[in-house]
Amino acid sequence: MPAQQPTLDGTLPTPAPDYHTWCDQVRPAFVEAARTGQRFTTYEIARENDLPEPPCARADWGNFTQSLVRDGLLEHCGFDRSLRPTGEHSAVSVWRGTRAAQAGRAA
């Protein structure tokens, strides 16, 4: 294994957690958000809770959110185009907790 490159201040960078460790770190914030019944985006929850970035930001946020849907915690409730104004007009998914999550039966 090659030696790790130190940062400009001489310290070694903190290694990124693997996907499953990262999921364990961020899941409680999403469980709490789901219990409120309020609509939210993953970006809002990550920002409000100062959550770490995943190992692969392009794929892991979507994979994680879909796992919460499969677990019965979240449901998709629309898109918000105003949150990401791009030339491609991409939309940001909006989520809310399921009734089971709001009642504390899903976590």
PDB file of N, CA and C in Angstrom:
ATOM      1  N   MET A   1       0.846  -1.179   0.000  1.00  0.00           N
ATOM      2  CA  MET A   1       0.000   0.000   0.000  1.00  0.00           C
ATOM      3  C   MET A   1       0.893   1.244   0.000  1.00  0.00           C
ATOM      4  N   PRO A   2       0.638   2.195  -0.891  1.00  0.00           N
ATOM      5  CA  PRO A   2       1.477   3.395  -0.944  1.00  0.00           C
ATOM      6  C   PRO A   2       1.236   4.286   0.279  1.00  0.00           C
ATOM      7  N   ALA A   3       2.259   5.076   0.596  1.00  0.00           N
ATOM      8  CA  ALA A   3       2.147   6.002   1.728  1.00  0.00           C
ATOM      9  C   ALA A   3       1.117   7.078   1.403  1.00  0.00           C
ATOM     10  N   GLN A   4       0.406   7.523   2.433  1.00  0.00           N
ATOM     11  CA  GLN A   4      -0.619   8.548   2.239  1.00  0.00           C
ATOM     12  C   GLN A   4       0.032   9.927   2.191  1.00  0.00           C
ATOM     13  N   GLN A   5      -0.413  10.747   1.254  1.00  0.00           N
ATOM     14  CA  GLN A   5       0.117  12.090   1.062  1.00  0.00           C
ATOM     15  C   GLN A   5      -0.400  13.006   2.160  1.00  0.00           C
ATOM     16  N   PRO A   6       0.482  13.684   2.912  1.00  0.00           N
ATOM     17  CA  PRO A   6       0.007  14.631   3.925  1.00  0.00           C
ATOM     18  C   PRO A   6      -0.599  15.880   3.281  1.00  0.00           C
ATOM     19  N   THR A   7      -1.452  16.566   4.030  1.00  0.00           N
ATOM     20  CA  THR A   7      -2.038  17.819   3.564  1.00  0.00           C
ATOM     21  C   THR A   7      -0.999  18.922   3.637  1.00  0.00           C
ATOM     22  N   LEU A   8      -1.361  20.113   3.190  1.00  0.00           N
ATOM     23  CA  LEU A   8      -0.406  21.227   3.180  1.00  0.00           C
ATOM     24  C   LEU A   8       0.066  21.619   4.570  1.00  0.00           C
ATOM     25  N   ASP A   9      -0.764  21.385   5.596  1.00  0.00           N
ATOM     26  CA  ASP A   9      -0.331  21.734   6.959  1.00  0.00           C
ATOM     27  C   ASP A   9       0.449  20.600   7.630  1.00  0.00           C
ATOM     28  N   GLY A  10       0.724  19.512   6.893  1.00  0.00           N
ATOM     29  CA  GLY A  10       1.537  18.424   7.406  1.00  0.00           C
ATOM     30  C   GLY A  10       0.759  17.296   8.057  1.00  0.00           C
ATOM     31  N   THR A  11      -0.538  17.471   8.265  1.00  0.00           N
ATOM     32  CA  THR A  11      -1.334  16.405   8.874  1.00  0.00           C
ATOM     33  C   THR A  11      -1.796  15.422   7.805  1.00  0.00           C
ATOM     34  N   LEU A  12      -2.128  14.238   8.247  1.00  0.00           N
ATOM     35  CA  LEU A  12      -2.667  13.253   7.315  1.00  0.00           C
ATOM     36  C   LEU A  12      -4.174  13.440   7.218  1.00  0.00           C
ATOM     37  N   PRO A  13      -4.736  13.345   6.013  1.00  0.00           N
ATOM     38  CA  PRO A  13      -6.176  13.506   5.873  1.00  0.00           C
ATOM     39  C   PRO A  13      -6.926  12.381   6.573  1.00  0.00           C
ATOM     40  N   THR A  14      -8.101  12.707   7.064  1.00  0.00           N
ATOM     41  CA  THR A  14      -8.942  11.704   7.698  1.00  0.00           C
ATOM     42  C   THR A  14      -9.471  10.767   6.627  1.00  0.00           C
ATOM     43  N   PRO A  15      -9.287   9.460   6.799  1.00  0.00           N
ATOM     44  CA  PRO A  15      -9.782   8.547   5.774  1.00  0.00           C
ATOM     45  C   PRO A  15     -11.312   8.563   5.729  1.00  0.00           C
ATOM     46  N   ALA A  16     -11.850   8.482   4.534  1.00  0.00           N
ATOM     47  CA  ALA A  16     -13.305   8.458   4.371  1.00  0.00           C
ATOM     48  C   ALA A  16     -13.827   7.112   4.870  1.00  0.00           C
ATOM     49  N   PRO A  17     -14.981   7.129   5.535  1.00  0.00           N
ATOM     50  CA  PRO A  17     -15.541   5.851   6.000  1.00  0.00           C
ATOM     51  C   PRO A  17     -16.057   5.037   4.815  1.00  0.00           C
ATOM     52  N   ASP A  18     -16.183   3.730   5.008  1.00  0.00           N
ATOM     53  CA  ASP A  18     -16.780   2.921   3.951  1.00  0.00           C
ATOM     54  C   ASP A  18     -18.278   3.220   3.909  1.00  0.00           C
ATOM     55  N   TYR A  19     -18.951   2.743   2.885  1.00  0.00           N
ATOM     56  CA  TYR A  19     -20.353   3.075   2.659  1.00  0.00           C
ATOM     57  C   TYR A  19     -21.234   2.690   3.850  1.00  0.00           C
ATOM     58  N   HIS A  20     -21.053   1.499   4.379  1.00  0.00           N
ATOM     59  CA  HIS A  20     -21.925   1.035   5.468  1.00  0.00           C
ATOM     60  C   HIS A  20     -21.695   1.823   6.755  1.00  0.00           C
ATOM     61  N   THR A  21     -20.473   2.181   7.035  1.00  0.00           N
ATOM     62  CA  THR A  21     -20.183   3.013   8.211  1.00  0.00           C
ATOM     63  C   THR A  21     -20.804   4.388   8.029  1.00  0.00           C
ATOM     64  N   TRP A  22     -20.672   4.950   6.832  1.00  0.00           N
ATOM     65  CA  TRP A  22     -21.270   6.251   6.546  1.00  0.00           C
ATOM     66  C   TRP A  22     -22.786   6.202   6.721  1.00  0.00           C
ATOM     67  N   CYS A  23     -23.432   5.149   6.229  1.00  0.00           N
ATOM     68  CA  CYS A  23     -24.889   5.002   6.393  1.00  0.00           C
ATOM     69  C   CYS A  23     -25.275   4.999   7.867  1.00  0.00           C
ATOM     70  N   ASP A  24     -24.516   4.284   8.680  1.00  0.00           N
ATOM     71  CA  ASP A  24     -24.787   4.240  10.118  1.00  0.00           C
ATOM     72  C   ASP A  24     -24.644   5.625  10.752  1.00  0.00           C
ATOM     73  N   GLN A  25     -23.731   6.436  10.228  1.00  0.00           N
ATOM     74  CA  GLN A  25     -23.515   7.777  10.773  1.00  0.00           C
ATOM     75  C   GLN A  25     -24.648   8.734  10.423  1.00  0.00           C
ATOM     76  N   VAL A  26     -25.183   8.657   9.209  1.00  0.00           N
ATOM     77  CA  VAL A  26     -26.162   9.647   8.757  1.00  0.00           C
ATOM     78  C   VAL A  26     -27.616   9.220   8.963  1.00  0.00           C
ATOM     79  N   ARG A  27     -27.870   7.945   9.124  1.00  0.00           N
ATOM     80  CA  ARG A  27     -29.246   7.440   9.229  1.00  0.00           C
ATOM     81  C   ARG A  27     -30.044   8.085  10.356  1.00  0.00           C
ATOM     82  N   PRO A  28     -29.505   8.270  11.569  1.00  0.00           N
ATOM     83  CA  PRO A  28     -30.313   8.861  12.644  1.00  0.00           C
ATOM     84  C   PRO A  28     -30.918  10.223  12.281  1.00  0.00           C
ATOM     85  N   ALA A  29     -30.211  11.033  11.538  1.00  0.00           N
ATOM     86  CA  ALA A  29     -30.739  12.342  11.142  1.00  0.00           C
ATOM     87  C   ALA A  29     -31.940  12.181  10.220  1.00  0.00           C
ATOM     88  N   PHE A  30     -31.921  11.186   9.355  1.00  0.00           N
ATOM     89  CA  PHE A  30     -33.036  10.958   8.436  1.00  0.00           C
ATOM     90  C   PHE A  30     -34.217  10.307   9.143  1.00  0.00           C
ATOM     91  N   VAL A  31     -33.949   9.461  10.123  1.00  0.00           N
ATOM     92  CA  VAL A  31     -35.032   8.878  10.920  1.00  0.00           C
ATOM     93  C   VAL A  31     -35.758   9.991  11.663  1.00  0.00           C
ATOM     94  N   GLU A  32     -35.008  10.892  12.248  1.00  0.00           N
ATOM     95  CA  GLU A  32     -35.614  12.026  12.965  1.00  0.00           C
ATOM     96  C   GLU A  32     -36.418  12.914  12.024  1.00  0.00           C
ATOM     97  N   ALA A  33     -35.879  13.191  10.857  1.00  0.00           N
ATOM     98  CA  ALA A  33     -36.597  14.013   9.880  1.00  0.00           C
ATOM     99  C   ALA A  33     -37.882  13.319   9.425  1.00  0.00           C
ATOM    100  N   ALA A  34     -37.826  12.015   9.226  1.00  0.00           N
ATOM    101  CA  ALA A  34     -39.003  11.264   8.789  1.00  0.00           C
ATOM    102  C   ALA A  34     -40.103  11.310   9.847  1.00  0.00           C
ATOM    103  N   ARG A  35     -39.736  11.296  11.088  1.00  0.00           N
ATOM    104  CA  ARG A  35     -40.738  11.315  12.171  1.00  0.00           C
ATOM    105  C   ARG A  35     -41.508  12.625  12.233  1.00  0.00           C
ATOM    106  N   THR A  36     -40.958  13.699  11.688  1.00  0.00           N
ATOM    107  CA  THR A  36     -41.640  14.992  11.747  1.00  0.00           C
ATOM    108  C   THR A  36     -42.814  15.069  10.782  1.00  0.00           C
ATOM    109  N   GLY A  37     -42.769  14.298   9.703  1.00  0.00           N
ATOM    110  CA  GLY A  37     -43.812  14.377   8.694  1.00  0.00           C
ATOM    111  C   GLY A  37     -43.647  15.548   7.739  1.00  0.00           C
ATOM    112  N   GLN A  38     -42.612  16.348   7.928  1.00  0.00           N
ATOM    113  CA  GLN A  38     -42.355  17.498   7.059  1.00  0.00           C
ATOM    114  C   GLN A  38     -41.663  17.049   5.777  1.00  0.00           C
ATOM    115  N   ARG A  39     -41.841  17.815   4.713  1.00  0.00           N
ATOM    116  CA  ARG A  39     -41.168  17.557   3.441  1.00  0.00           C
ATOM    117  C   ARG A  39     -39.723  18.054   3.528  1.00  0.00           C
ATOM    118  N   PHE A  40     -38.794  17.336   2.898  1.00  0.00           N
ATOM    119  CA  PHE A  40     -37.388  17.734   2.929  1.00  0.00           C
ATOM    120  C   PHE A  40     -36.633  17.128   1.759  1.00  0.00           C
ATOM    121  N   THR A  41     -35.470  17.676   1.514  1.00  0.00           N
ATOM    122  CA  THR A  41     -34.531  17.102   0.552  1.00  0.00           C
ATOM    123  C   THR A  41     -33.362  16.518   1.334  1.00  0.00           C
ATOM    124  N   THR A  42     -32.629  15.610   0.708  1.00  0.00           N
ATOM    125  CA  THR A  42     -31.471  15.044   1.391  1.00  0.00           C
ATOM    126  C   THR A  42     -30.439  16.130   1.679  1.00  0.00           C
ATOM    127  N   TYR A  43     -30.321  17.084   0.769  1.00  0.00           N
ATOM    128  CA  TYR A  43     -29.366  18.174   0.967  1.00  0.00           C
ATOM    129  C   TYR A  43     -29.707  18.970   2.225  1.00  0.00           C
ATOM    130  N   GLU A  44     -30.989  19.260   2.430  1.00  0.00           N
ATOM    131  CA  GLU A  44     -31.384  20.035   3.614  1.00  0.00           C
ATOM    132  C   GLU A  44     -31.035  19.304   4.903  1.00  0.00           C
ATOM    133  N   ILE A  45     -31.293  18.007   4.950  1.00  0.00           N
ATOM    134  CA  ILE A  45     -30.989  17.227   6.156  1.00  0.00           C
ATOM    135  C   ILE A  45     -29.481  17.168   6.367  1.00  0.00           C
ATOM    136  N   ALA A  46     -28.737  16.954   5.303  1.00  0.00           N
ATOM    137  CA  ALA A  46     -27.272  16.900   5.414  1.00  0.00           C
ATOM    138  C   ALA A  46     -26.713  18.226   5.909  1.00  0.00           C
ATOM    139  N   ARG A  47     -27.218  19.334   5.369  1.00  0.00           N
ATOM    140  CA  ARG A  47     -26.723  20.657   5.765  1.00  0.00           C
ATOM    141  C   ARG A  47     -27.113  20.984   7.207  1.00  0.00           C
ATOM    142  N   GLU A  48     -28.377  20.762   7.567  1.00  0.00           N
ATOM    143  CA  GLU A  48     -28.856  21.107   8.913  1.00  0.00           C
ATOM    144  C   GLU A  48     -28.175  20.290  10.007  1.00  0.00           C
ATOM    145  N   ASN A  49     -27.749  19.081   9.664  1.00  0.00           N
ATOM    146  CA  ASN A  49     -27.133  18.196  10.651  1.00  0.00           C
ATOM    147  C   ASN A  49     -25.632  18.055  10.480  1.00  0.00           C
ATOM    148  N   ASP A  50     -25.059  18.851   9.571  1.00  0.00           N
ATOM    149  CA  ASP A  50     -23.617  18.822   9.313  1.00  0.00           C
ATOM    150  C   ASP A  50     -23.118  17.392   9.077  1.00  0.00           C
ATOM    151  N   LEU A  51     -23.817  16.677   8.191  1.00  0.00           N
ATOM    152  CA  LEU A  51     -23.485  15.283   7.924  1.00  0.00           C
ATOM    153  C   LEU A  51     -22.277  15.184   6.993  1.00  0.00           C
ATOM    154  N   PRO A  52     -21.474  14.136   7.177  1.00  0.00           N
ATOM    155  CA  PRO A  52     -20.306  13.963   6.303  1.00  0.00           C
ATOM    156  C   PRO A  52     -20.725  13.536   4.901  1.00  0.00           C
ATOM    157  N   GLU A  53     -19.867  13.816   3.956  1.00  0.00           N
ATOM    158  CA  GLU A  53     -20.090  13.370   2.587  1.00  0.00           C
ATOM    159  C   GLU A  53     -19.834  11.862   2.510  1.00  0.00           C
ATOM    160  N   PRO A  54     -20.543  11.178   1.637  1.00  0.00           N
ATOM    161  CA  PRO A  54     -20.320   9.732   1.484  1.00  0.00           C
ATOM    162  C   PRO A  54     -19.048   9.446   0.701  1.00  0.00           C
ATOM    163  N   PRO A  55     -18.612   8.194   0.707  1.00  0.00           N
ATOM    164  CA  PRO A  55     -17.410   7.841  -0.050  1.00  0.00           C
ATOM    165  C   PRO A  55     -17.538   8.161  -1.543  1.00  0.00           C
ATOM    166  N   CYS A  56     -18.706   7.958  -2.120  1.00  0.00           N
ATOM    167  CA  CYS A  56     -18.945   8.245  -3.533  1.00  0.00           C
ATOM    168  C   CYS A  56     -20.190   9.121  -3.623  1.00  0.00           C
ATOM    169  N   ALA A  57     -20.008  10.431  -3.584  1.00  0.00           N
ATOM    170  CA  ALA A  57     -21.138  11.361  -3.506  1.00  0.00           C
ATOM    171  C   ALA A  57     -22.077  11.260  -4.700  1.00  0.00           C
ATOM    172  N   ARG A  58     -21.590  10.886  -5.854  1.00  0.00           N
ATOM    173  CA  ARG A  58     -22.441  10.811  -7.052  1.00  0.00           C
ATOM    174  C   ARG A  58     -23.486   9.717  -6.940  1.00  0.00           C
ATOM    175  N   ALA A  59     -23.178   8.637  -6.218  1.00  0.00           N
ATOM    176  CA  ALA A  59     -24.096   7.501  -6.159  1.00  0.00           C
ATOM    177  C   ALA A  59     -24.661   7.229  -4.772  1.00  0.00           C
ATOM    178  N   ASP A  60     -23.878   7.493  -3.748  1.00  0.00           N
ATOM    179  CA  ASP A  60     -24.259   7.026  -2.413  1.00  0.00           C
ATOM    180  C   ASP A  60     -25.466   7.733  -1.819  1.00  0.00           C
ATOM    181  N   TRP A  61     -25.656   9.029  -2.074  1.00  0.00           N
ATOM    182  CA  TRP A  61     -26.844   9.695  -1.536  1.00  0.00           C
ATOM    183  C   TRP A  61     -28.101   9.052  -2.095  1.00  0.00           C
ATOM    184  N   GLY A  62     -28.125   8.792  -3.382  1.00  0.00           N
ATOM    185  CA  GLY A  62     -29.291   8.167  -3.992  1.00  0.00           C
ATOM    186  C   GLY A  62     -29.501   6.744  -3.506  1.00  0.00           C
ATOM    187  N   ASN A  63     -28.425   5.977  -3.407  1.00  0.00           N
ATOM    188  CA  ASN A  63     -28.533   4.603  -2.907  1.00  0.00           C
ATOM    189  C   ASN A  63     -29.041   4.586  -1.473  1.00  0.00           C
ATOM    190  N   PHE A  64     -28.529   5.490  -0.663  1.00  0.00           N
ATOM    191  CA  PHE A  64     -28.947   5.561   0.734  1.00  0.00           C
ATOM    192  C   PHE A  64     -30.424   5.926   0.847  1.00  0.00           C
ATOM    193  N   THR A  65     -30.848   6.932   0.095  1.00  0.00           N
ATOM    194  CA  THR A  65     -32.246   7.354   0.145  1.00  0.00           C
ATOM    195  C   THR A  65     -33.160   6.223  -0.304  1.00  0.00           C
ATOM    196  N   GLN A  66     -32.778   5.513  -1.344  1.00  0.00           N
ATOM    197  CA  GLN A  66     -33.598   4.398  -1.806  1.00  0.00           C
ATOM    198  C   GLN A  66     -33.662   3.279  -0.769  1.00  0.00           C
ATOM    199  N   SER A  67     -32.599   3.098  -0.002  1.00  0.00           N
ATOM    200  CA  SER A  67     -32.644   2.082   1.064  1.00  0.00           C
ATOM    201  C   SER A  67     -33.648   2.492   2.144  1.00  0.00           C
ATOM    202  N   LEU A  68     -33.755   3.801   2.401  1.00  0.00           N
ATOM    203  CA  LEU A  68     -34.744   4.272   3.372  1.00  0.00           C
ATOM    204  C   LEU A  68     -36.165   4.069   2.857  1.00  0.00           C
ATOM    205  N   VAL A  69     -36.348   4.203   1.552  1.00  0.00           N
ATOM    206  CA  VAL A  69     -37.660   3.930   0.942  1.00  0.00           C
ATOM    207  C   VAL A  69     -37.983   2.445   1.092  1.00  0.00           C
ATOM    208  N   ARG A  70     -37.019   1.579   0.767  1.00  0.00           N
ATOM    209  CA  ARG A  70     -37.241   0.130   0.884  1.00  0.00           C
ATOM    210  C   ARG A  70     -37.517  -0.288   2.321  1.00  0.00           C
ATOM    211  N   ASP A  71     -36.934   0.418   3.279  1.00  0.00           N
ATOM    212  CA  ASP A  71     -37.156   0.121   4.694  1.00  0.00           C
ATOM    213  C   ASP A  71     -38.484   0.655   5.208  1.00  0.00           C
ATOM    214  N   GLY A  72     -39.238   1.345   4.344  1.00  0.00           N
ATOM    215  CA  GLY A  72     -40.539   1.873   4.742  1.00  0.00           C
ATOM    216  C   GLY A  72     -40.461   3.142   5.562  1.00  0.00           C
ATOM    217  N   LEU A  73     -39.326   3.836   5.512  1.00  0.00           N
ATOM    218  CA  LEU A  73     -39.132   5.042   6.299  1.00  0.00           C
ATOM    219  C   LEU A  73     -39.518   6.303   5.538  1.00  0.00           C
ATOM    220  N   LEU A  74     -39.190   6.360   4.250  1.00  0.00           N
ATOM    221  CA  LEU A  74     -39.452   7.547   3.439  1.00  0.00           C
ATOM    222  C   LEU A  74     -40.356   7.219   2.263  1.00  0.00           C
ATOM    223  N   GLU A  75     -41.047   8.264   1.791  1.00  0.00           N
ATOM    224  CA  GLU A  75     -41.788   8.173   0.549  1.00  0.00           C
ATOM    225  C   GLU A  75     -41.506   9.424  -0.272  1.00  0.00           C
ATOM    226  N   HIS A  76     -41.453   9.221  -1.562  1.00  0.00           N
ATOM    227  CA  HIS A  76     -41.203  10.335  -2.481  1.00  0.00           C
ATOM    228  C   HIS A  76     -42.486  11.142  -2.608  1.00  0.00           C
ATOM    229  N   CYS A  77     -42.381  12.465  -2.500  1.00  0.00           N
ATOM    230  CA  CYS A  77     -43.599  13.290  -2.581  1.00  0.00           C
ATOM    231  C   CYS A  77     -43.452  14.447  -3.554  1.00  0.00           C
ATOM    232  N   GLY A  78     -42.527  14.347  -4.493  1.00  0.00           N
ATOM    233  CA  GLY A  78     -42.443  15.358  -5.535  1.00  0.00           C
ATOM    234  C   GLY A  78     -41.023  15.781  -5.840  1.00  0.00           C
ATOM    235  N   PHE A  79     -40.950  16.863  -6.616  1.00  0.00           N
ATOM    236  CA  PHE A  79     -39.672  17.421  -7.031  1.00  0.00           C
ATOM    237  C   PHE A  79     -39.686  18.912  -6.774  1.00  0.00           C
ATOM    238  N   ASP A  80     -38.513  19.458  -6.568  1.00  0.00           N
ATOM    239  CA  ASP A  80     -38.376  20.897  -6.416  1.00  0.00           C
ATOM    240  C   ASP A  80     -37.306  21.364  -7.379  1.00  0.00           C
ATOM    241  N   ARG A  81     -37.708  22.026  -8.430  1.00  0.00           N
ATOM    242  CA  ARG A  81     -36.755  22.513  -9.430  1.00  0.00           C
ATOM    243  C   ARG A  81     -36.060  23.795  -8.985  1.00  0.00           C
ATOM    244  N   SER A  82     -36.624  24.480  -8.009  1.00  0.00           N
ATOM    245  CA  SER A  82     -36.030  25.745  -7.583  1.00  0.00           C
ATOM    246  C   SER A  82     -34.766  25.543  -6.760  1.00  0.00           C
ATOM    247  N   LEU A  83     -34.556  24.354  -6.217  1.00  0.00           N
ATOM    248  CA  LEU A  83     -33.398  24.117  -5.371  1.00  0.00           C
ATOM    249  C   LEU A  83     -32.113  23.910  -6.149  1.00  0.00           C
ATOM    250  N   ARG A  84     -32.232  23.519  -7.407  1.00  0.00           N
ATOM    251  CA  ARG A  84     -31.032  23.287  -8.214  1.00  0.00           C
ATOM    252  C   ARG A  84     -31.244  23.853  -9.605  1.00  0.00           C
ATOM    253  N   PRO A  85     -31.120  25.155  -9.733  1.00  0.00           N
ATOM    254  CA  PRO A  85     -31.292  25.735 -11.066  1.00  0.00           C
ATOM    255  C   PRO A  85     -30.079  25.428 -11.946  1.00  0.00           C
ATOM    256  N   THR A  86     -30.260  24.564 -12.897  1.00  0.00           N
ATOM    257  CA  THR A  86     -29.158  24.207 -13.799  1.00  0.00           C
ATOM    258  C   THR A  86     -29.613  24.397 -15.227  1.00  0.00           C
ATOM    259  N   GLY A  87     -28.679  24.377 -16.115  1.00  0.00           N
ATOM    260  CA  GLY A  87     -28.999  24.461 -17.529  1.00  0.00           C
ATOM    261  C   GLY A  87     -29.777  23.258 -18.009  1.00  0.00           C
ATOM    262  N   GLU A  88     -29.634  22.153 -17.286  1.00  0.00           N
ATOM    263  CA  GLU A  88     -30.339  20.932 -17.662  1.00  0.00           C
ATOM    264  C   GLU A  88     -31.718  20.842 -17.010  1.00  0.00           C
ATOM    265  N   HIS A  89     -32.061  21.798 -16.192  1.00  0.00           N
ATOM    266  CA  HIS A  89     -33.342  21.816 -15.488  1.00  0.00           C
ATOM    267  C   HIS A  89     -33.552  20.562 -14.648  1.00  0.00           C
ATOM    268  N   SER A  90     -32.496  20.097 -14.002  1.00  0.00           N
ATOM    269  CA  SER A  90     -32.642  18.904 -13.175  1.00  0.00           C
ATOM    270  C   SER A  90     -33.459  19.235 -11.933  1.00  0.00           C
ATOM    271  N   ALA A  91     -34.154  18.252 -11.447  1.00  0.00           N
ATOM    272  CA  ALA A  91     -35.026  18.430 -10.290  1.00  0.00           C
ATOM    273  C   ALA A  91     -34.444  17.705  -9.086  1.00  0.00           C
ATOM    274  N   VAL A  92     -34.754  18.196  -7.917  1.00  0.00           N
ATOM    275  CA  VAL A  92     -34.311  17.596  -6.673  1.00  0.00           C
ATOM    276  C   VAL A  92     -35.506  16.883  -6.051  1.00  0.00           C
ATOM    277  N   SER A  93     -35.319  15.629  -5.665  1.00  0.00           N
ATOM    278  CA  SER A  93     -36.406  14.869  -5.054  1.00  0.00           C
ATOM    279  C   SER A  93     -36.744  15.421  -3.685  1.00  0.00           C
ATOM    280  N   VAL A  94     -38.028  15.430  -3.389  1.00  0.00           N
ATOM    281  CA  VAL A  94     -38.527  15.849  -2.080  1.00  0.00           C
ATOM    282  C   VAL A  94     -39.119  14.614  -1.411  1.00  0.00           C
ATOM    283  N   TRP A  95     -38.813  14.448  -0.135  1.00  0.00           N
ATOM    284  CA  TRP A  95     -39.196  13.267   0.629  1.00  0.00           C
ATOM    285  C   TRP A  95     -39.987  13.669   1.864  1.00  0.00           C
ATOM    286  N   ARG A  96     -40.692  12.697   2.435  1.00  0.00           N
ATOM    287  CA  ARG A  96     -41.293  12.851   3.758  1.00  0.00           C
ATOM    288  C   ARG A  96     -41.367  11.461   4.377  1.00  0.00           C
ATOM    289  N   GLY A  97     -41.502  11.447   5.674  1.00  0.00           N
ATOM    290  CA  GLY A  97     -41.610  10.175   6.371  1.00  0.00           C
ATOM    291  C   GLY A  97     -42.945   9.509   6.098  1.00  0.00           C
ATOM    292  N   THR A  98     -42.932   8.197   6.035  1.00  0.00           N
ATOM    293  CA  THR A  98     -44.169   7.445   5.881  1.00  0.00           C
ATOM    294  C   THR A  98     -44.989   7.567   7.162  1.00  0.00           C
ATOM    295  N   ARG A  99     -46.232   7.155   7.102  1.00  0.00           N
ATOM    296  CA  ARG A  99     -47.062   7.182   8.316  1.00  0.00           C
ATOM    297  C   ARG A  99     -46.464   6.291   9.399  1.00  0.00           C
ATOM    298  N   ALA A 100     -45.889   5.176   8.990  1.00  0.00           N
ATOM    299  CA  ALA A 100     -45.236   4.278   9.961  1.00  0.00           C
ATOM    300  C   ALA A 100     -44.057   4.982  10.623  1.00  0.00           C
ATOM    301  N   ALA A 101     -43.275   5.733   9.854  1.00  0.00           N
ATOM    302  CA  ALA A 101     -42.133   6.462  10.410  1.00  0.00           C
ATOM    303  C   ALA A 101     -42.614   7.556  11.358  1.00  0.00           C
ATOM    304  N   GLN A 102     -43.670   8.256  10.967  1.00  0.00           N
ATOM    305  CA  GLN A 102     -44.199   9.316  11.812  1.00  0.00           C
ATOM    306  C   GLN A 102     -44.736   8.777  13.129  1.00  0.00           C
ATOM    307  N   ALA A 103     -45.241   7.549  13.090  1.00  0.00           N
ATOM    308  CA  ALA A 103     -45.775   6.932  14.308  1.00  0.00           C
ATOM    309  C   ALA A 103     -44.693   6.205  15.106  1.00  0.00           C
ATOM    310  N   GLY A 104     -43.468   6.192  14.585  1.00  0.00           N
ATOM    311  CA  GLY A 104     -42.366   5.524  15.288  1.00  0.00           C
ATOM    312  C   GLY A 104     -42.319   4.029  15.054  1.00  0.00           C
ATOM    313  N   ARG A 105     -43.062   3.514  14.071  1.00  0.00           N
ATOM    314  CA  ARG A 105     -43.065   2.079  13.797  1.00  0.00           C
ATOM    315  C   ARG A 105     -42.016   1.680  12.777  1.00  0.00           C
ATOM    316  N   ALA A 106     -41.387   2.643  12.122  1.00  0.00           N
ATOM    317  CA  ALA A 106     -40.321   2.352  11.151  1.00  0.00           C
ATOM    318  C   ALA A 106     -39.099   3.172  11.522  1.00  0.00           C
ATOM    319  N   ALA A 107     -37.972   2.514  11.532  1.00  0.00           N
ATOM    320  CA  ALA A 107     -36.715   3.206  11.827  1.00  0.00           C
ATOM    321  C   ALA A 107     -35.644   2.457  11.112  1.00  0.00           C
TER     322      ALA A 107
END
